[in-house]
């Protein structure tokens, strides 16, 4: 039951926002009593924290599977981007922004986990790309991975990138292309242009 509550909560929070969804609405949507939810999660904050971690674990598990495929580093970045976009296709309520505003402790926990996951993934990707001659040999790996993560946080700022102008998928796509164009060698650029052609 706990897993079902987390799955339904994730769906509703991503669609409608963490602030507006009530425990009553989750219970009604699932056809269970609110008491059943409280048996597993003593407060709404505890449910939100567990749901955020549940979503994070699903995404990190998916990314790990893609990394195990050992695609070339540019293809790997696009495969991860496609997976993230598919996973967040129903995200219509800027959940990260709402977490930051209303549940700052939960937001800080998730942000820290995201940073560790992304830095590790990007650093490994950069090292592989340099070894394969598709990224510039003198890239500052730590700096580049942190800049990429900072950019991912930045594109989620809906004051800078209003929803009326940009979709989440479009922002992730543009950010990835911007990142790769800055670091590829001529050999890498050939691979990147082929992927862009396929995706257009």
N, C-alpha and C. Protein backbone atom coordinates (compact mmCIF):
# COMPACT_ATOMS: atom_id res chain seq x y z
N UNK A 1 0.83 -1.21 0.00
CA UNK A 1 0.00 0.00 0.00
C UNK A 1 0.87 1.27 0.00
N UNK A 2 1.96 1.20 0.76
CA UNK A 2 2.85 2.37 0.85
C UNK A 2 3.35 2.79 -0.53
N UNK A 3 3.77 1.81 -1.35
CA UNK A 3 4.27 2.10 -2.69
C UNK A 3 3.17 2.71 -3.57
N UNK A 4 1.95 2.19 -3.42
CA UNK A 4 0.81 2.72 -4.20
C UNK A 4 0.52 4.18 -3.83
N UNK A 5 0.59 4.47 -2.53
CA UNK A 5 0.37 5.86 -2.06
C UNK A 5 1.45 6.78 -2.64
N UNK A 6 2.70 6.32 -2.62
CA UNK A 6 3.81 7.13 -3.17
C UNK A 6 3.62 7.38 -4.67
N UNK A 7 3.24 6.35 -5.39
CA UNK A 7 3.05 6.47 -6.85
C UNK A 7 1.93 7.46 -7.17
N UNK A 8 0.80 7.34 -6.46
CA UNK A 8 -0.33 8.25 -6.70
C UNK A 8 0.01 9.68 -6.27
N UNK A 9 0.70 9.82 -5.14
CA UNK A 9 1.10 11.15 -4.66
C UNK A 9 2.04 11.82 -5.66
N UNK A 10 2.99 11.04 -6.19
CA UNK A 10 3.94 11.59 -7.17
C UNK A 10 3.19 12.11 -8.40
N UNK A 11 2.25 11.31 -8.88
CA UNK A 11 1.45 11.69 -10.06
C UNK A 11 0.69 13.00 -9.79
N UNK A 12 0.04 13.08 -8.63
CA UNK A 12 -0.79 14.25 -8.32
C UNK A 12 0.06 15.49 -8.01
N UNK A 13 1.18 15.30 -7.28
CA UNK A 13 2.04 16.44 -6.97
C UNK A 13 2.67 17.02 -8.24
N UNK A 14 3.09 16.14 -9.17
CA UNK A 14 3.70 16.62 -10.41
C UNK A 14 2.67 17.35 -11.29
N UNK A 15 1.44 16.85 -11.26
CA UNK A 15 0.40 17.44 -12.10
C UNK A 15 -0.21 18.71 -11.51
N UNK A 16 -0.45 18.68 -10.19
CA UNK A 16 -1.25 19.75 -9.57
C UNK A 16 -0.48 20.62 -8.59
N UNK A 17 0.70 20.18 -8.19
CA UNK A 17 1.51 20.96 -7.26
C UNK A 17 1.41 20.45 -5.83
N UNK A 18 2.54 20.49 -5.12
CA UNK A 18 2.59 19.95 -3.76
C UNK A 18 1.72 20.74 -2.79
N UNK A 19 1.57 22.03 -3.07
CA UNK A 19 0.83 22.89 -2.13
C UNK A 19 -0.68 22.66 -2.24
N UNK A 20 -1.17 22.48 -3.47
CA UNK A 20 -2.62 22.46 -3.66
C UNK A 20 -3.25 21.08 -3.39
N UNK A 21 -2.48 20.01 -3.49
CA UNK A 21 -3.05 18.66 -3.29
C UNK A 21 -3.17 18.37 -1.80
N UNK A 22 -4.36 17.94 -1.37
CA UNK A 22 -4.58 17.62 0.04
C UNK A 22 -4.54 16.11 0.26
N UNK A 23 -4.39 15.72 1.50
CA UNK A 23 -4.42 14.28 1.86
C UNK A 23 -5.78 13.69 1.51
N UNK A 24 -6.84 14.48 1.72
CA UNK A 24 -8.21 14.03 1.37
C UNK A 24 -8.31 13.69 -0.11
N UNK A 25 -7.73 14.54 -0.95
CA UNK A 25 -7.81 14.34 -2.41
C UNK A 25 -7.05 13.09 -2.84
N UNK A 26 -5.89 12.85 -2.22
CA UNK A 26 -5.12 11.64 -2.55
C UNK A 26 -5.92 10.41 -2.14
N UNK A 27 -6.49 10.45 -0.93
CA UNK A 27 -7.30 9.32 -0.43
C UNK A 27 -8.50 9.07 -1.36
N UNK A 28 -9.19 10.14 -1.75
CA UNK A 28 -10.37 10.01 -2.62
C UNK A 28 -9.98 9.43 -3.97
N UNK A 29 -8.87 9.89 -4.51
CA UNK A 29 -8.38 9.43 -5.82
C UNK A 29 -8.04 7.94 -5.77
N UNK A 30 -7.57 7.48 -4.61
CA UNK A 30 -7.18 6.07 -4.47
C UNK A 30 -8.31 5.18 -3.97
N UNK A 31 -9.41 5.80 -3.53
CA UNK A 31 -10.53 5.03 -2.98
C UNK A 31 -10.19 4.40 -1.64
N UNK A 32 -9.38 5.12 -0.85
CA UNK A 32 -9.03 4.64 0.49
C UNK A 32 -9.36 5.74 1.50
N UNK A 33 -9.25 5.44 2.78
CA UNK A 33 -9.51 6.48 3.78
C UNK A 33 -8.22 7.26 4.04
N UNK A 34 -8.40 8.49 4.49
CA UNK A 34 -7.25 9.33 4.83
C UNK A 34 -6.43 8.68 5.96
N UNK A 35 -7.14 7.95 6.81
CA UNK A 35 -6.51 7.25 7.94
C UNK A 35 -5.45 6.26 7.45
N UNK A 36 -5.73 5.63 6.30
CA UNK A 36 -4.78 4.66 5.73
C UNK A 36 -3.48 5.36 5.34
N UNK A 37 -3.60 6.56 4.76
CA UNK A 37 -2.40 7.32 4.39
C UNK A 37 -1.61 7.69 5.65
N UNK A 38 -2.35 8.17 6.67
CA UNK A 38 -1.68 8.58 7.91
C UNK A 38 -1.04 7.41 8.65
N UNK A 39 -1.49 6.20 8.38
CA UNK A 39 -0.86 5.01 8.99
C UNK A 39 0.57 4.83 8.47
N UNK A 40 0.81 5.32 7.23
CA UNK A 40 2.14 5.19 6.63
C UNK A 40 2.95 6.50 6.72
N UNK A 41 2.24 7.63 6.68
CA UNK A 41 2.91 8.94 6.70
C UNK A 41 2.18 9.84 7.70
N UNK A 42 2.85 10.18 8.79
CA UNK A 42 2.17 10.86 9.91
C UNK A 42 1.75 12.30 9.59
N UNK A 43 2.44 12.94 8.60
CA UNK A 43 2.07 14.32 8.22
C UNK A 43 2.18 14.45 6.70
N UNK A 44 1.61 15.52 6.18
CA UNK A 44 1.72 15.77 4.74
C UNK A 44 3.18 16.02 4.36
N UNK A 45 3.92 16.70 5.24
CA UNK A 45 5.35 16.97 4.97
C UNK A 45 6.12 15.67 4.82
N UNK A 46 5.81 14.68 5.69
CA UNK A 46 6.49 13.38 5.61
C UNK A 46 6.14 12.69 4.28
N UNK A 47 4.90 12.82 3.85
CA UNK A 47 4.48 12.23 2.58
C UNK A 47 5.21 12.92 1.42
N UNK A 48 5.30 14.23 1.47
CA UNK A 48 5.97 14.98 0.40
C UNK A 48 7.44 14.59 0.33
N UNK A 49 8.08 14.48 1.48
CA UNK A 49 9.50 14.10 1.51
C UNK A 49 9.69 12.69 0.94
N UNK A 50 8.86 11.76 1.36
CA UNK A 50 8.96 10.37 0.87
C UNK A 50 8.68 10.30 -0.63
N UNK A 51 7.72 11.10 -1.09
CA UNK A 51 7.37 11.12 -2.52
C UNK A 51 8.51 11.69 -3.35
N UNK A 52 9.10 12.78 -2.87
CA UNK A 52 10.23 13.40 -3.58
C UNK A 52 11.40 12.42 -3.69
N UNK A 53 11.67 11.70 -2.61
CA UNK A 53 12.75 10.70 -2.62
C UNK A 53 12.41 9.53 -3.56
N UNK A 54 11.12 9.15 -3.58
CA UNK A 54 10.63 8.07 -4.46
C UNK A 54 10.87 8.46 -5.93
N UNK A 55 10.51 9.68 -6.29
CA UNK A 55 10.70 10.16 -7.67
C UNK A 55 12.19 10.21 -8.00
N UNK A 56 13.00 10.72 -7.05
CA UNK A 56 14.44 10.81 -7.26
C UNK A 56 15.05 9.41 -7.49
N UNK A 57 14.65 8.44 -6.67
CA UNK A 57 15.20 7.08 -6.79
C UNK A 57 14.82 6.45 -8.13
N UNK A 58 13.59 6.70 -8.59
CA UNK A 58 13.16 6.19 -9.90
C UNK A 58 14.02 6.76 -11.02
N UNK A 59 14.26 8.07 -10.95
CA UNK A 59 15.06 8.74 -11.99
C UNK A 59 16.51 8.27 -11.93
N UNK A 60 17.08 8.21 -10.73
CA UNK A 60 18.49 7.80 -10.61
C UNK A 60 18.69 6.35 -11.06
N UNK A 61 17.70 5.49 -10.78
CA UNK A 61 17.76 4.10 -11.23
C UNK A 61 17.74 4.00 -12.75
N UNK A 62 16.91 4.82 -13.38
CA UNK A 62 16.83 4.85 -14.85
C UNK A 62 18.12 5.35 -15.47
N UNK A 63 18.72 6.37 -14.86
CA UNK A 63 19.98 6.92 -15.36
C UNK A 63 21.10 5.87 -15.25
N UNK A 64 21.10 5.14 -14.14
CA UNK A 64 22.13 4.11 -13.92
C UNK A 64 22.04 3.02 -15.00
N UNK A 65 20.82 2.64 -15.37
CA UNK A 65 20.65 1.62 -16.42
C UNK A 65 21.21 2.12 -17.75
N UNK A 66 20.97 3.40 -18.05
CA UNK A 66 21.49 3.98 -19.30
C UNK A 66 23.02 3.99 -19.28
N UNK A 67 23.60 4.33 -18.14
CA UNK A 67 25.06 4.37 -18.03
C UNK A 67 25.68 2.99 -18.22
N UNK A 68 24.96 1.97 -17.77
CA UNK A 68 25.46 0.59 -17.90
C UNK A 68 25.54 0.15 -19.37
N UNK A 69 24.79 0.82 -20.25
CA UNK A 69 24.81 0.48 -21.68
C UNK A 69 26.12 0.87 -22.37
N UNK A 70 26.89 1.76 -21.73
CA UNK A 70 28.20 2.21 -22.26
C UNK A 70 28.09 2.73 -23.69
N UNK A 71 27.09 3.56 -23.97
CA UNK A 71 27.00 4.23 -25.27
C UNK A 71 28.16 5.21 -25.36
N UNK A 72 28.40 5.79 -26.54
CA UNK A 72 29.43 6.83 -26.55
C UNK A 72 28.90 8.01 -25.72
N UNK A 73 29.80 8.81 -25.11
CA UNK A 73 29.36 9.80 -24.12
C UNK A 73 28.31 10.80 -24.60
N UNK A 74 28.35 11.19 -25.87
CA UNK A 74 27.36 12.15 -26.38
C UNK A 74 26.00 11.46 -26.49
N UNK A 75 25.98 10.24 -27.02
CA UNK A 75 24.73 9.47 -27.11
C UNK A 75 24.17 9.21 -25.70
N UNK A 76 25.06 8.94 -24.75
CA UNK A 76 24.63 8.71 -23.37
C UNK A 76 23.91 9.93 -22.82
N UNK A 77 24.46 11.13 -23.07
CA UNK A 77 23.84 12.36 -22.58
C UNK A 77 22.44 12.54 -23.19
N UNK A 78 22.29 12.21 -24.47
CA UNK A 78 20.97 12.34 -25.11
C UNK A 78 19.99 11.28 -24.62
N UNK A 79 20.50 10.09 -24.35
CA UNK A 79 19.63 9.02 -23.82
C UNK A 79 19.11 9.41 -22.43
N UNK A 80 19.98 10.00 -21.60
CA UNK A 80 19.58 10.45 -20.27
C UNK A 80 18.60 11.61 -20.38
N UNK A 81 18.87 12.52 -21.31
CA UNK A 81 17.95 13.66 -21.53
C UNK A 81 16.57 13.17 -21.95
N UNK A 82 16.52 12.20 -22.88
CA UNK A 82 15.24 11.66 -23.34
C UNK A 82 14.49 10.97 -22.21
N UNK A 83 15.23 10.24 -21.38
CA UNK A 83 14.63 9.56 -20.23
C UNK A 83 14.04 10.58 -19.25
N UNK A 84 14.82 11.63 -18.96
CA UNK A 84 14.35 12.68 -18.02
C UNK A 84 13.11 13.37 -18.56
N UNK A 85 13.12 13.68 -19.85
CA UNK A 85 11.96 14.37 -20.46
C UNK A 85 10.72 13.48 -20.42
N UNK A 86 10.91 12.20 -20.68
CA UNK A 86 9.78 11.25 -20.64
C UNK A 86 9.23 11.16 -19.22
N UNK A 87 10.13 11.14 -18.25
CA UNK A 87 9.73 11.00 -16.85
C UNK A 87 9.00 12.24 -16.34
N UNK A 88 9.37 13.40 -16.89
CA UNK A 88 8.79 14.66 -16.42
C UNK A 88 7.74 15.22 -17.38
N UNK A 89 7.27 14.36 -18.30
CA UNK A 89 6.34 14.87 -19.33
C UNK A 89 5.05 15.42 -18.74
N UNK A 90 4.65 14.94 -17.56
CA UNK A 90 3.41 15.42 -16.96
C UNK A 90 3.64 16.52 -15.93
N UNK A 91 4.88 16.99 -15.86
CA UNK A 91 5.20 18.00 -14.84
C UNK A 91 4.65 19.35 -15.30
N UNK A 92 3.59 19.78 -14.66
CA UNK A 92 2.95 21.04 -15.09
C UNK A 92 2.89 22.07 -13.96
N UNK A 93 3.50 21.75 -12.83
CA UNK A 93 3.27 22.63 -11.68
C UNK A 93 4.56 23.14 -11.02
N UNK A 94 5.69 23.06 -11.74
CA UNK A 94 6.99 23.49 -11.20
C UNK A 94 7.20 22.96 -9.78
N UNK A 95 7.19 21.62 -9.60
CA UNK A 95 7.27 21.06 -8.24
C UNK A 95 8.53 21.48 -7.49
N UNK A 96 9.66 21.63 -8.20
CA UNK A 96 10.91 22.03 -7.52
C UNK A 96 10.75 23.42 -6.90
N UNK A 97 10.14 24.32 -7.67
CA UNK A 97 9.93 25.69 -7.19
C UNK A 97 9.02 25.70 -5.96
N UNK A 98 7.97 24.87 -6.01
CA UNK A 98 7.04 24.80 -4.87
C UNK A 98 7.71 24.17 -3.65
N UNK A 99 8.53 23.15 -3.87
CA UNK A 99 9.27 22.55 -2.75
C UNK A 99 10.17 23.59 -2.10
N UNK A 100 10.88 24.33 -2.93
CA UNK A 100 11.81 25.35 -2.42
C UNK A 100 11.08 26.40 -1.60
N UNK A 101 9.89 26.78 -2.06
CA UNK A 101 9.13 27.85 -1.40
C UNK A 101 8.44 27.38 -0.12
N UNK A 102 7.80 26.21 -0.19
CA UNK A 102 6.94 25.78 0.93
C UNK A 102 7.56 24.69 1.82
N UNK A 103 8.51 23.93 1.23
CA UNK A 103 9.12 22.82 2.00
C UNK A 103 10.64 22.87 1.81
N UNK A 104 11.29 23.95 2.30
CA UNK A 104 12.71 24.18 2.01
C UNK A 104 13.64 23.05 2.48
N UNK A 105 13.30 22.39 3.59
CA UNK A 105 14.17 21.30 4.08
C UNK A 105 14.14 20.11 3.12
N UNK A 106 12.94 19.79 2.63
CA UNK A 106 12.80 18.70 1.66
C UNK A 106 13.56 19.07 0.38
N UNK A 107 13.40 20.31 -0.05
CA UNK A 107 14.07 20.79 -1.26
C UNK A 107 15.59 20.67 -1.12
N UNK A 108 16.12 21.07 0.04
CA UNK A 108 17.57 21.02 0.27
C UNK A 108 18.10 19.59 0.20
N UNK A 109 17.32 18.65 0.77
CA UNK A 109 17.72 17.23 0.74
C UNK A 109 17.77 16.71 -0.69
N UNK A 110 16.72 17.00 -1.46
CA UNK A 110 16.65 16.52 -2.85
C UNK A 110 17.72 17.19 -3.71
N UNK A 111 17.92 18.48 -3.51
CA UNK A 111 18.93 19.21 -4.29
C UNK A 111 20.32 18.61 -4.08
N UNK A 112 20.64 18.30 -2.82
CA UNK A 112 21.94 17.70 -2.49
C UNK A 112 22.11 16.34 -3.18
N UNK A 113 21.04 15.52 -3.15
CA UNK A 113 21.10 14.21 -3.80
C UNK A 113 21.24 14.36 -5.32
N UNK A 114 20.51 15.32 -5.89
CA UNK A 114 20.59 15.57 -7.34
C UNK A 114 22.01 15.99 -7.73
N UNK A 115 22.58 16.86 -6.91
CA UNK A 115 23.93 17.36 -7.21
C UNK A 115 24.94 16.21 -7.20
N UNK A 116 24.87 15.36 -6.18
CA UNK A 116 25.80 14.23 -6.09
C UNK A 116 25.64 13.29 -7.28
N UNK A 117 24.38 12.98 -7.62
CA UNK A 117 24.10 12.09 -8.74
C UNK A 117 24.62 12.68 -10.05
N UNK A 118 24.28 13.95 -10.29
CA UNK A 118 24.62 14.57 -11.57
C UNK A 118 26.12 14.81 -11.71
N UNK A 119 26.75 15.26 -10.62
CA UNK A 119 28.20 15.50 -10.68
C UNK A 119 28.94 14.20 -10.99
N UNK A 120 28.54 13.12 -10.34
CA UNK A 120 29.17 11.84 -10.58
C UNK A 120 28.98 11.38 -12.02
N UNK A 121 27.73 11.51 -12.50
CA UNK A 121 27.41 11.09 -13.87
C UNK A 121 28.16 11.94 -14.90
N UNK A 122 28.16 13.27 -14.70
CA UNK A 122 28.81 14.17 -15.67
C UNK A 122 30.32 13.98 -15.65
N UNK A 123 30.92 13.85 -14.46
CA UNK A 123 32.37 13.65 -14.38
C UNK A 123 32.80 12.40 -15.13
N UNK A 124 32.08 11.30 -14.90
CA UNK A 124 32.39 10.04 -15.59
C UNK A 124 32.23 10.21 -17.09
N UNK A 125 31.15 10.89 -17.49
CA UNK A 125 30.88 11.14 -18.91
C UNK A 125 32.00 11.97 -19.54
N UNK A 126 32.45 13.00 -18.83
CA UNK A 126 33.52 13.86 -19.34
C UNK A 126 34.83 13.08 -19.49
N UNK A 127 35.15 12.28 -18.48
CA UNK A 127 36.39 11.48 -18.53
C UNK A 127 36.38 10.52 -19.72
N UNK A 128 35.23 9.88 -19.94
CA UNK A 128 35.11 8.96 -21.07
C UNK A 128 35.21 9.69 -22.40
N UNK A 129 34.56 10.86 -22.48
CA UNK A 129 34.58 11.65 -23.71
C UNK A 129 35.98 12.14 -24.06
N UNK A 130 36.74 12.54 -23.04
CA UNK A 130 38.13 12.98 -23.26
C UNK A 130 38.96 11.79 -23.75
N UNK A 131 38.80 10.63 -23.09
CA UNK A 131 39.56 9.42 -23.47
C UNK A 131 39.25 9.00 -24.91
N UNK A 132 38.01 9.23 -25.36
CA UNK A 132 37.61 8.83 -26.72
C UNK A 132 37.89 9.91 -27.77
N UNK A 133 38.40 11.06 -27.31
CA UNK A 133 38.75 12.13 -28.25
C UNK A 133 37.57 12.91 -28.78
N UNK A 134 36.40 12.83 -28.09
CA UNK A 134 35.23 13.59 -28.58
C UNK A 134 34.95 14.83 -27.72
N UNK A 135 35.63 14.93 -26.56
CA UNK A 135 35.60 16.16 -25.75
C UNK A 135 37.02 16.72 -25.71
N UNK A 136 37.14 18.04 -25.54
CA UNK A 136 38.45 18.69 -25.48
C UNK A 136 39.31 18.06 -24.38
N UNK A 137 40.60 17.83 -24.65
CA UNK A 137 41.46 17.12 -23.71
C UNK A 137 41.74 17.88 -22.41
N UNK A 138 41.67 19.21 -22.44
CA UNK A 138 42.05 19.99 -21.25
C UNK A 138 40.86 20.53 -20.46
N UNK A 139 39.73 19.87 -20.59
CA UNK A 139 38.53 20.32 -19.87
C UNK A 139 38.74 20.28 -18.36
N UNK A 140 38.38 21.35 -17.64
CA UNK A 140 38.39 21.27 -16.17
C UNK A 140 37.15 20.48 -15.71
N UNK A 141 37.34 19.22 -15.39
CA UNK A 141 36.22 18.29 -15.18
C UNK A 141 35.31 18.71 -14.03
N UNK A 142 35.89 19.04 -12.88
CA UNK A 142 35.08 19.40 -11.71
C UNK A 142 34.26 20.66 -11.99
N UNK A 143 34.92 21.67 -12.54
CA UNK A 143 34.25 22.94 -12.87
C UNK A 143 33.13 22.72 -13.89
N UNK A 144 33.41 21.96 -14.95
CA UNK A 144 32.43 21.73 -16.02
C UNK A 144 31.21 20.99 -15.49
N UNK A 145 31.42 20.00 -14.62
CA UNK A 145 30.28 19.24 -14.08
C UNK A 145 29.41 20.13 -13.19
N UNK A 146 30.05 21.03 -12.43
CA UNK A 146 29.28 21.93 -11.55
C UNK A 146 28.52 22.99 -12.35
N UNK A 147 29.14 23.49 -13.41
CA UNK A 147 28.47 24.47 -14.27
C UNK A 147 27.25 23.85 -14.93
N UNK A 148 27.39 22.57 -15.35
CA UNK A 148 26.26 21.88 -15.97
C UNK A 148 25.11 21.75 -14.98
N UNK A 149 25.43 21.36 -13.74
CA UNK A 149 24.40 21.22 -12.71
C UNK A 149 23.73 22.57 -12.41
N UNK A 150 24.54 23.62 -12.32
CA UNK A 150 24.01 24.97 -12.06
C UNK A 150 23.05 25.38 -13.17
N UNK A 151 23.41 25.04 -14.41
CA UNK A 151 22.54 25.35 -15.54
C UNK A 151 21.21 24.61 -15.46
N UNK A 152 21.26 23.34 -15.02
CA UNK A 152 20.03 22.55 -14.86
C UNK A 152 19.11 23.17 -13.81
N UNK A 153 19.71 23.69 -12.73
CA UNK A 153 18.89 24.38 -11.73
C UNK A 153 18.33 25.68 -12.31
N UNK A 154 19.16 26.38 -13.06
CA UNK A 154 18.77 27.69 -13.62
C UNK A 154 17.61 27.62 -14.58
N UNK A 155 17.57 26.57 -15.42
CA UNK A 155 16.48 26.48 -16.41
C UNK A 155 15.14 26.16 -15.75
N UNK A 156 15.17 25.76 -14.47
CA UNK A 156 13.91 25.49 -13.76
C UNK A 156 13.33 26.77 -13.14
N UNK A 157 14.06 27.87 -13.26
CA UNK A 157 13.58 29.15 -12.72
C UNK A 157 12.55 29.73 -13.69
N UNK A 158 11.29 29.67 -13.31
CA UNK A 158 10.22 30.10 -14.21
C UNK A 158 10.06 31.61 -14.30
N UNK A 159 10.80 32.35 -13.47
CA UNK A 159 10.86 33.81 -13.66
C UNK A 159 11.78 34.12 -14.84
N UNK A 160 12.89 33.38 -14.92
CA UNK A 160 13.83 33.56 -16.04
C UNK A 160 13.30 32.93 -17.32
N UNK A 161 12.68 31.76 -17.19
CA UNK A 161 12.19 31.01 -18.35
C UNK A 161 10.70 30.71 -18.17
N UNK A 162 9.84 31.71 -18.41
CA UNK A 162 8.40 31.51 -18.16
C UNK A 162 7.80 30.40 -19.02
N UNK A 163 6.82 29.69 -18.41
CA UNK A 163 6.18 28.56 -19.09
C UNK A 163 5.49 28.97 -20.38
N UNK A 164 5.12 30.24 -20.48
CA UNK A 164 4.47 30.73 -21.71
C UNK A 164 5.45 30.76 -22.89
N UNK A 165 6.75 30.74 -22.58
CA UNK A 165 7.77 30.81 -23.62
C UNK A 165 8.49 29.49 -23.87
N UNK A 166 8.64 28.68 -22.81
CA UNK A 166 9.46 27.46 -22.92
C UNK A 166 8.79 26.27 -22.22
N UNK A 167 8.83 25.11 -22.86
CA UNK A 167 8.41 23.89 -22.17
C UNK A 167 9.64 23.33 -21.43
N UNK A 168 9.39 22.46 -20.43
CA UNK A 168 10.50 21.84 -19.70
C UNK A 168 11.40 21.06 -20.65
N UNK A 169 10.80 20.29 -21.55
CA UNK A 169 11.57 19.47 -22.50
C UNK A 169 12.45 20.33 -23.40
N UNK A 170 11.91 21.46 -23.86
CA UNK A 170 12.65 22.37 -24.73
C UNK A 170 13.86 22.96 -23.99
N UNK A 171 13.67 23.33 -22.73
CA UNK A 171 14.76 23.90 -21.94
C UNK A 171 15.88 22.88 -21.72
N UNK A 172 15.50 21.63 -21.39
CA UNK A 172 16.50 20.58 -21.17
C UNK A 172 17.27 20.32 -22.47
N UNK A 173 16.55 20.29 -23.58
CA UNK A 173 17.16 20.07 -24.91
C UNK A 173 18.18 21.17 -25.23
N UNK A 174 17.78 22.42 -25.08
CA UNK A 174 18.65 23.56 -25.41
C UNK A 174 19.87 23.61 -24.49
N UNK A 175 19.64 23.32 -23.20
CA UNK A 175 20.74 23.34 -22.23
C UNK A 175 21.78 22.27 -22.57
N UNK A 176 21.33 21.08 -22.94
CA UNK A 176 22.26 20.00 -23.28
C UNK A 176 23.07 20.35 -24.53
N UNK A 177 22.41 20.87 -25.56
CA UNK A 177 23.12 21.23 -26.79
C UNK A 177 24.15 22.32 -26.50
N UNK A 178 23.77 23.30 -25.70
CA UNK A 178 24.67 24.41 -25.31
C UNK A 178 25.91 23.85 -24.61
N UNK A 179 25.70 22.92 -23.68
CA UNK A 179 26.79 22.28 -22.92
C UNK A 179 27.73 21.52 -23.86
N UNK A 180 27.15 20.71 -24.74
CA UNK A 180 27.98 19.86 -25.60
C UNK A 180 28.76 20.67 -26.64
N UNK A 181 28.13 21.68 -27.20
CA UNK A 181 28.83 22.51 -28.21
C UNK A 181 30.08 23.18 -27.61
N UNK A 182 30.02 23.45 -26.31
CA UNK A 182 31.16 24.10 -25.64
C UNK A 182 32.33 23.16 -25.41
N UNK A 183 32.09 21.84 -25.41
CA UNK A 183 33.15 20.91 -24.98
C UNK A 183 33.59 19.89 -26.04
N UNK A 184 32.87 19.80 -27.17
CA UNK A 184 33.22 18.76 -28.15
C UNK A 184 34.41 19.16 -29.02
N UNK A 185 35.13 18.14 -29.47
CA UNK A 185 36.17 18.30 -30.49
C UNK A 185 35.50 18.21 -31.86
N UNK A 186 36.23 18.45 -32.96
CA UNK A 186 35.61 18.26 -34.29
C UNK A 186 35.00 16.86 -34.47
N UNK A 187 35.69 15.84 -33.92
CA UNK A 187 35.15 14.46 -33.98
C UNK A 187 33.83 14.38 -33.21
N UNK A 188 33.78 15.00 -32.04
CA UNK A 188 32.56 15.02 -31.24
C UNK A 188 31.45 15.80 -31.90
N UNK A 189 31.82 16.88 -32.60
CA UNK A 189 30.82 17.71 -33.27
C UNK A 189 30.10 16.93 -34.37
N UNK A 190 30.84 16.07 -35.05
CA UNK A 190 30.22 15.23 -36.10
C UNK A 190 29.14 14.34 -35.48
N UNK A 191 29.46 13.72 -34.33
CA UNK A 191 28.49 12.85 -33.63
C UNK A 191 27.29 13.68 -33.17
N UNK A 192 27.58 14.86 -32.59
CA UNK A 192 26.51 15.74 -32.08
C UNK A 192 25.57 16.15 -33.22
N UNK A 193 26.14 16.56 -34.36
CA UNK A 193 25.31 17.01 -35.49
C UNK A 193 24.43 15.87 -36.02
N UNK A 194 24.97 14.64 -36.01
CA UNK A 194 24.17 13.48 -36.45
C UNK A 194 22.98 13.26 -35.51
N UNK A 195 23.25 13.38 -34.21
CA UNK A 195 22.17 13.18 -33.21
C UNK A 195 21.12 14.29 -33.32
N UNK A 196 21.56 15.51 -33.53
CA UNK A 196 20.63 16.64 -33.66
C UNK A 196 19.75 16.46 -34.89
N UNK A 197 20.35 15.94 -35.97
CA UNK A 197 19.61 15.68 -37.20
C UNK A 197 18.54 14.62 -36.97
N UNK A 198 18.93 13.54 -36.24
CA UNK A 198 17.98 12.45 -35.94
C UNK A 198 16.83 12.95 -35.08
N UNK A 199 17.14 13.86 -34.14
CA UNK A 199 16.12 14.32 -33.17
C UNK A 199 15.23 15.44 -33.72
N UNK A 200 15.66 16.06 -34.83
CA UNK A 200 14.88 17.21 -35.33
C UNK A 200 13.62 16.76 -36.04
